[in-house]
Amino acid sequence: MATVINRGNGHWELRVYIGQDKDGNKIRKSKRIVAKSKRAAMKELDKFRLKL
């Protein structure tokens, strides 16, 4: 599961859900980027997911 969150002024936060730890807490990785549109941010999200 992955999400793209608009932080305003062309800044976006990418969040990727990786799984759960042994205690049941969610493990997430996030990254903030600058992109002109949501579509551009989604492309960066795909690249980010492949790196993980």
C-alpha atoms as a PDB file:
ATOM      1  CA  MET A   1       0.000   0.000   0.000  1.00  0.00           C
ATOM      2  CA  ALA A   2       1.323   3.420  -0.912  1.00  0.00           C
ATOM      3  CA  THR A   3      -0.003   6.955  -0.714  1.00  0.00           C
ATOM      4  CA  VAL A   4       0.844  10.382  -2.062  1.00  0.00           C
ATOM      5  CA  ILE A   5       0.033  13.342   0.194  1.00  0.00           C
ATOM      6  CA  ASN A   6       0.017  16.944  -1.034  1.00  0.00           C
ATOM      7  CA  ARG A   7       1.929  19.192   1.388  1.00  0.00           C
ATOM      8  CA  GLY A   8       1.322  22.415  -0.568  1.00  0.00           C
ATOM      9  CA  ASN A   9       3.439  24.543  -2.899  1.00  0.00           C
ATOM     10  CA  GLY A  10       4.500  21.589  -5.038  1.00  0.00           C
ATOM     11  CA  HIS A  11       5.752  19.505  -2.125  1.00  0.00           C
ATOM     12  CA  TRP A  12       4.542  15.915  -1.819  1.00  0.00           C
ATOM     13  CA  GLU A  13       5.048  13.183   0.754  1.00  0.00           C
ATOM     14  CA  LEU A  14       5.363   9.600  -0.444  1.00  0.00           C
ATOM     15  CA  ARG A  15       4.468   6.865   2.050  1.00  0.00           C
ATOM     16  CA  VAL A  16       4.921   3.140   1.521  1.00  0.00           C
ATOM     17  CA  TYR A  17       3.554   0.502   3.903  1.00  0.00           C
ATOM     18  CA  ILE A  18       6.127  -2.283   4.242  1.00  0.00           C
ATOM     19  CA  GLY A  19       4.524  -4.622   6.776  1.00  0.00           C
ATOM     20  CA  GLN A  20       4.374  -5.153  10.521  1.00  0.00           C
ATOM     21  CA  ASP A  21       6.990  -5.729  13.171  1.00  0.00           C
ATOM     22  CA  LYS A  22       6.809  -8.510  15.750  1.00  0.00           C
ATOM     23  CA  ASP A  23       4.606  -6.365  18.043  1.00  0.00           C
ATOM     24  CA  GLY A  24       2.065  -5.645  15.299  1.00  0.00           C
ATOM     25  CA  ASN A  25       3.121  -2.038  14.683  1.00  0.00           C
ATOM     26  CA  LYS A  26       3.024  -0.833  11.074  1.00  0.00           C
ATOM     27  CA  ILE A  27       6.342  -0.272   9.320  1.00  0.00           C
ATOM     28  CA  ARG A  28       6.254   2.653   6.910  1.00  0.00           C
ATOM     29  CA  LYS A  29       8.879   4.397   4.850  1.00  0.00           C
ATOM     30  CA  SER A  30       8.338   7.988   3.717  1.00  0.00           C
ATOM     31  CA  LYS A  31      10.061  10.500   1.501  1.00  0.00           C
ATOM     32  CA  ARG A  32       9.331  14.156   0.691  1.00  0.00           C
ATOM     33  CA  ILE A  33       9.758  15.388  -2.856  1.00  0.00           C
ATOM     34  CA  VAL A  34       9.050  18.418  -5.022  1.00  0.00           C
ATOM     35  CA  ALA A  35       6.865  17.725  -8.068  1.00  0.00           C
ATOM     36  CA  LYS A  36       4.679  19.874 -10.305  1.00  0.00           C
ATOM     37  CA  SER A  37       1.642  17.573 -10.313  1.00  0.00           C
ATOM     38  CA  LYS A  38       0.133  14.536  -8.627  1.00  0.00           C
ATOM     39  CA  ARG A  39       0.892  12.464 -11.705  1.00  0.00           C
ATOM     40  CA  ALA A  40       4.594  13.369 -11.453  1.00  0.00           C
ATOM     41  CA  ALA A  41       4.513  12.507  -7.743  1.00  0.00           C
ATOM     42  CA  MET A  42       2.941   9.120  -8.544  1.00  0.00           C
ATOM     43  CA  LYS A  43       5.789   8.370 -10.965  1.00  0.00           C
ATOM     44  CA  GLU A  44       8.296   9.175  -8.219  1.00  0.00           C
ATOM     45  CA  LEU A  45       6.309   6.929  -5.857  1.00  0.00           C
ATOM     46  CA  ASP A  46       6.730   4.012  -8.274  1.00  0.00           C
ATOM     47  CA  LYS A  47      10.491   4.599  -8.351  1.00  0.00           C
ATOM     48  CA  PHE A  48      10.576   4.843  -4.537  1.00  0.00           C
ATOM     49  CA  ARG A  49       8.681   1.557  -4.154  1.00  0.00           C
ATOM     50  CA  LEU A  50      11.117  -0.242  -6.450  1.00  0.00           C
ATOM     51  CA  LYS A  51      14.099   0.877  -4.337  1.00  0.00           C
ATOM     52  CA  LEU A  52      12.604  -0.683  -1.191  1.00  0.00           C
END
